[in-house]
Protein backbone atom coordinates (compact mmCIF):
# COMPACT_ATOMS: atom_id res chain seq x y z
CA MET A 1 23.29 -12.05 -5.33
CA LYS A 2 20.41 -10.85 -3.16
CA ASN A 3 19.74 -7.15 -3.18
CA ILE A 4 17.29 -4.63 -1.80
CA GLU A 5 16.16 -1.39 -3.40
CA VAL A 6 13.63 1.31 -2.55
CA LEU A 7 11.75 3.14 -5.29
CA PHE A 8 10.75 6.55 -3.96
CA THR A 9 8.49 8.19 -6.53
CA PRO A 10 5.73 7.43 -9.05
CA ALA A 11 8.23 8.43 -11.72
CA ASP A 12 9.57 4.89 -11.30
CA PHE A 13 6.25 3.23 -12.19
CA ALA A 14 6.68 3.33 -15.98
CA ALA A 15 10.17 1.83 -15.81
CA LEU A 16 8.92 -0.75 -13.33
CA GLN A 17 6.32 -1.95 -15.83
CA ARG A 18 9.11 -2.63 -18.38
CA ARG A 19 11.54 -4.17 -15.90
CA ASN A 20 12.13 -7.91 -15.70
CA LEU A 21 10.74 -8.85 -12.30
CA ASP A 22 10.69 -12.62 -12.74
CA ASN A 23 12.89 -13.10 -9.66
CA SER A 24 11.69 -10.06 -7.73
CA VAL A 25 9.41 -9.57 -4.77
CA CYS A 26 7.81 -6.14 -4.62
CA VAL A 27 6.30 -4.64 -1.47
CA VAL A 28 4.03 -1.67 -2.16
CA PHE A 29 3.55 0.99 0.51
CA ASP A 30 0.76 3.54 0.49
CA ILE A 31 0.61 4.24 4.21
CA PHE A 32 -1.85 7.18 3.92
CA ARG A 33 -3.90 5.17 2.98
CA ALA A 34 -4.56 2.58 0.27
CA THR A 35 -2.43 -0.34 1.45
CA THR A 36 -3.42 0.31 5.07
CA SER A 37 -7.08 0.16 4.04
CA MET A 38 -6.52 -3.09 2.15
CA ILE A 39 -4.94 -4.77 5.16
CA THR A 40 -7.74 -3.53 7.40
CA ALA A 41 -10.40 -4.80 4.99
CA LEU A 42 -8.77 -8.23 4.84
CA ALA A 43 -8.54 -8.33 8.63
CA ASN A 44 -12.27 -7.63 8.77
CA GLY A 45 -13.24 -10.49 6.52
CA VAL A 46 -13.29 -9.19 2.95
CA ASP A 47 -12.96 -12.03 0.44
CA ALA A 48 -10.75 -10.20 -2.05
CA ILE A 49 -9.76 -6.73 -3.20
CA ILE A 50 -9.36 -5.84 -6.86
CA PRO A 51 -7.12 -2.78 -7.32
CA VAL A 52 -7.55 -0.90 -10.60
CA SER A 53 -5.96 2.27 -11.88
CA GLU A 54 -8.95 4.18 -13.26
CA ILE A 55 -12.51 4.95 -12.18
CA SER A 56 -13.78 3.54 -15.49
CA GLU A 57 -12.11 0.19 -14.73
CA ALA A 58 -13.78 0.09 -11.30
CA LEU A 59 -17.20 0.76 -12.81
CA ALA A 60 -16.66 -1.96 -15.42
CA ALA A 61 -15.66 -4.46 -12.73
CA ARG A 62 -18.78 -3.57 -10.75
CA LYS A 63 -20.92 -4.35 -13.82
CA GLN A 64 -19.36 -7.79 -14.01
CA ASN A 65 -19.95 -8.38 -10.30
CA PRO A 66 -22.91 -6.26 -9.09
CA GLN A 67 -22.49 -7.56 -5.53
CA SER A 68 -19.02 -6.05 -5.20
CA LEU A 69 -18.35 -2.83 -3.32
CA LEU A 70 -16.71 0.18 -4.94
CA ALA A 71 -14.02 1.94 -2.92
CA GLY A 72 -11.50 4.66 -3.60
CA GLU A 73 -10.57 8.30 -3.64
CA ARG A 74 -9.58 11.24 -5.73
CA ASP A 75 -7.86 14.14 -3.97
CA GLY A 76 -8.21 12.12 -0.76
CA LEU A 77 -12.00 12.07 -0.76
CA ARG A 78 -14.52 9.34 -1.60
CA ILE A 79 -15.39 9.15 -5.29
CA ARG A 80 -18.82 10.62 -5.90
CA ALA A 81 -21.31 10.65 -8.75
CA ALA A 82 -19.88 13.83 -10.26
CA LEU A 83 -16.72 11.91 -11.20
CA THR A 84 -18.41 8.71 -12.36
CA GLY A 85 -21.42 9.84 -14.34
CA GLY A 86 -23.90 8.96 -11.63
CA THR A 87 -22.50 6.38 -9.20
CA ASP A 88 -21.42 7.17 -5.66
CA PHE A 89 -18.73 4.79 -4.44
CA ASP A 90 -19.67 2.71 -1.40
CA LEU A 91 -16.45 3.44 0.48
CA GLY A 92 -13.66 5.96 0.38
CA ASN A 93 -10.04 5.29 1.29
CA SER A 94 -10.18 5.63 5.07
CA PRO A 95 -9.11 2.37 6.72
CA ARG A 96 -11.63 3.04 9.49
CA GLU A 97 -14.46 2.68 6.96
CA PHE A 98 -13.62 -0.95 6.23
CA THR A 99 -15.44 -2.43 9.20
CA GLU A 100 -16.50 -6.05 9.51
CA GLU A 101 -20.15 -5.02 9.23
CA LYS A 102 -19.54 -3.38 5.86
CA VAL A 103 -17.01 -5.64 4.17
CA ALA A 104 -17.12 -9.20 5.57
CA GLY A 105 -17.69 -11.71 2.78
CA LYS A 106 -17.50 -9.04 0.08
CA THR A 107 -15.30 -8.35 -2.91
CA ILE A 108 -14.05 -4.77 -3.10
CA VAL A 109 -12.98 -3.00 -6.29
CA THR A 110 -10.77 -0.05 -5.43
CA THR A 111 -9.05 2.79 -7.28
CA THR A 112 -6.88 5.43 -5.64
CA THR A 113 -4.69 8.24 -6.88
CA ASN A 114 -1.40 6.39 -6.40
CA GLY A 115 -1.59 3.14 -4.44
CA THR A 116 -3.49 1.08 -6.97
CA ARG A 117 -1.30 2.46 -9.77
CA ALA A 118 1.78 1.26 -7.88
CA LEU A 119 0.33 -2.22 -7.47
CA ARG A 120 -0.53 -2.48 -11.14
CA ALA A 121 2.97 -1.29 -12.12
CA CYS A 122 4.62 -4.28 -10.46
CA ALA A 123 1.86 -6.84 -11.03
CA HIS A 124 4.20 -8.94 -13.22
CA ALA A 125 6.69 -9.53 -10.38
CA LYS A 126 7.30 -12.97 -8.92
CA GLN A 127 5.32 -11.79 -5.89
CA VAL A 128 3.66 -8.51 -4.91
CA LEU A 129 3.05 -7.92 -1.21
CA ILE A 130 0.89 -5.27 0.43
CA GLY A 131 2.97 -3.14 2.79
CA SER A 132 1.68 -1.41 5.91
CA PHE A 133 2.71 -0.77 9.48
CA LEU A 134 -0.31 -2.81 10.58
CA ASN A 135 1.30 -6.11 9.56
CA LEU A 136 4.91 -5.13 8.96
CA GLN A 137 6.59 -7.84 11.04
CA THR A 138 4.60 -10.68 9.48
CA THR A 139 5.41 -9.37 6.02
CA ALA A 140 9.10 -9.09 6.93
CA ASP A 141 9.06 -12.66 8.28
CA LEU A 142 7.66 -13.89 4.96
CA ILE A 143 10.37 -12.06 3.03
CA LEU A 144 13.10 -13.50 5.23
CA LYS A 145 11.64 -16.99 4.87
CA ASN A 146 11.51 -16.85 1.07
CA ALA A 147 14.78 -14.90 0.61
CA PRO A 148 14.03 -13.37 -2.81
CA GLU A 149 16.92 -12.61 -5.13
CA GLU A 150 15.68 -9.05 -5.52
CA LEU A 151 13.49 -7.11 -3.12
CA LEU A 152 11.89 -3.88 -4.32
CA LEU A 153 10.14 -1.67 -1.80
CA VAL A 154 7.82 0.57 -3.80
CA CYS A 155 6.66 3.89 -2.34
CA SER A 156 3.37 4.92 -3.95
CA GLY A 157 3.90 8.63 -3.39
CA THR A 158 1.48 11.51 -3.79
CA TYR A 159 0.56 12.54 -7.32
CA GLU A 160 4.04 12.47 -8.91
CA GLU A 161 6.03 13.20 -5.75
CA THR A 162 7.61 11.22 -2.94
CA ALA A 163 5.42 10.66 0.13
CA TYR A 164 7.36 10.84 3.39
CA GLU A 165 5.13 8.33 5.20
CA ASP A 166 5.73 5.72 2.47
CA VAL A 167 9.48 6.19 2.87
CA LEU A 168 9.03 5.62 6.62
CA GLY A 169 7.21 2.35 5.88
CA ALA A 170 9.88 1.18 3.46
CA GLY A 171 12.60 2.24 5.90
CA ALA A 172 10.96 0.32 8.73
CA MET A 173 10.89 -2.77 6.52
CA CYS A 174 14.57 -2.28 5.67
CA ASP A 175 15.36 -2.09 9.37
CA LEU A 176 13.58 -5.38 10.11
CA ILE A 177 15.49 -7.30 7.45
CA TRP A 178 18.76 -5.37 7.59
CA LYS A 179 20.88 -8.02 9.30
CA THR A 180 19.99 -10.60 6.67
CA TYR A 181 20.77 -8.27 3.77
CA ALA A 182 23.68 -6.37 5.34
CA ASP A 183 26.36 -8.34 3.47
CA LYS A 184 24.40 -8.33 0.20
CA GLU A 185 23.90 -5.66 -2.47
CA ILE A 186 22.06 -2.91 -0.60
CA SER A 187 21.22 0.12 -2.70
CA ASP A 188 21.78 3.65 -1.47
CA SER A 189 18.00 4.13 -1.67
CA ALA A 190 17.45 1.36 0.91
CA ARG A 191 20.11 2.82 3.17
CA MET A 192 18.52 6.25 2.89
CA ALA A 193 15.04 4.95 3.70
CA ARG A 194 16.28 3.07 6.74
CA GLU A 195 18.17 6.07 8.08
CA ILE A 196 15.12 8.31 7.60
CA TYR A 197 13.01 5.82 9.53
CA LEU A 198 15.56 5.44 12.34
CA ALA A 199 15.66 9.22 12.76
CA ALA A 200 11.86 9.35 13.05
CA LYS A 201 10.97 6.13 14.88
CA SER A 202 11.01 7.56 18.42
CA ASP A 203 7.88 9.59 17.61
CA LEU A 204 6.51 8.27 14.36
CA LEU A 205 3.14 9.96 14.80
CA ALA A 206 4.63 13.42 15.20
CA SER A 207 7.04 12.87 12.34
CA ALA A 208 4.53 11.43 9.86
CA GLY A 209 1.98 14.02 10.94
CA GLN A 210 4.23 16.69 9.47
CA SER A 211 4.23 15.05 6.05
CA ARG A 212 2.19 16.56 3.24
CA ASN A 213 -0.46 13.86 3.50
CA GLY A 214 -0.35 13.84 7.27
CA ARG A 215 -1.04 17.57 7.48
CA ARG A 216 -3.84 17.30 4.93
CA LEU A 217 -5.58 14.45 6.75
CA LEU A 218 -5.19 16.11 10.14
CA ASN A 219 -6.95 19.17 8.77
CA ILE A 220 -10.03 17.17 7.70
CA PRO A 221 -12.04 16.42 10.86
CA GLU A 222 -13.59 13.18 9.58
CA LEU A 223 -10.20 11.85 8.39
CA ARG A 224 -7.75 13.07 11.01
CA ASP A 225 -7.88 9.80 12.99
CA ASP A 226 -6.61 7.95 9.90
CA VAL A 227 -3.10 9.21 10.65
CA ALA A 228 -2.75 7.51 14.04
CA PHE A 229 -4.66 4.46 12.79
CA SER A 230 -2.28 3.96 9.86
CA LEU A 231 0.81 4.10 12.07
CA GLN A 232 -0.24 1.31 14.43
CA ARG A 233 2.43 -1.35 14.48
CA ASP A 234 1.81 -5.07 13.97
CA ILE A 235 -1.81 -5.32 15.06
CA TYR A 236 -2.44 -8.00 12.40
CA LYS A 237 -0.57 -11.28 12.02
CA PHE A 238 -1.00 -12.02 8.32
CA ALA A 239 0.58 -11.00 5.05
CA ALA A 240 -1.30 -10.09 1.89
CA ALA A 241 -0.41 -10.37 -1.78
CA LEU A 242 -1.65 -9.40 -5.21
CA ARG A 243 -2.34 -12.63 -7.09
CA PRO A 244 -1.72 -13.02 -10.83
CA ASP A 245 -5.48 -12.82 -11.37
CA GLY A 246 -5.45 -9.26 -10.03
CA LYS A 247 -6.98 -9.95 -6.61
CA VAL A 248 -5.44 -9.02 -3.27
CA ILE A 249 -5.90 -11.76 -0.66
CA LYS A 250 -4.50 -12.94 2.64
CA ILE A 251 -1.63 -15.40 2.36
């Protein structure tokens, strides 16, 4: 029996780590902004991205590979020396920072408040895909091709709360695959996410801009353009996955 489920909050992460995901495909959404930044970096030629949960893990990975770039945020802003004991991160979490000039041919180690935690929580799944509006259709096509027994759409959230823009991303994915799964076991959470997206889709920018994260980003002059950037639809024609070795790559 194929089924589809949406996990709305970081409260689900601990249970997800204990859950048997041997036959599950997880798609992680952190629209504002971690998964959007990962897709952008891969589009601009990065070799691989290593998501880690803690700043200390990122610093340790950098010691092992001194040529790698450090990226990430705390409270939405680039991680600076005050949080690391002396090291400024090379990049923050704005997708617009991950230009070809900066990242092509590089390995990036990244840690964010929620997105990288979500990826690590489902790392033991059969497959973990990186979800964003930027490559949503290609990711949906891959899911439909492989027809997993269980599909989990994981919303990274904000701190310990639901993030509206992640629900919109998960709902948009549900809408793309709905006809295939309509006669299967669809959870109420998937139905809710799809209906939220359908209600907002006519003006996604205005709707997502009213979210907690949308309002915060729009009030920071150097980050306000991240909102519109992150809501672009299907500008990239590749999917991305977290490999068992902990690296995010194009597939």
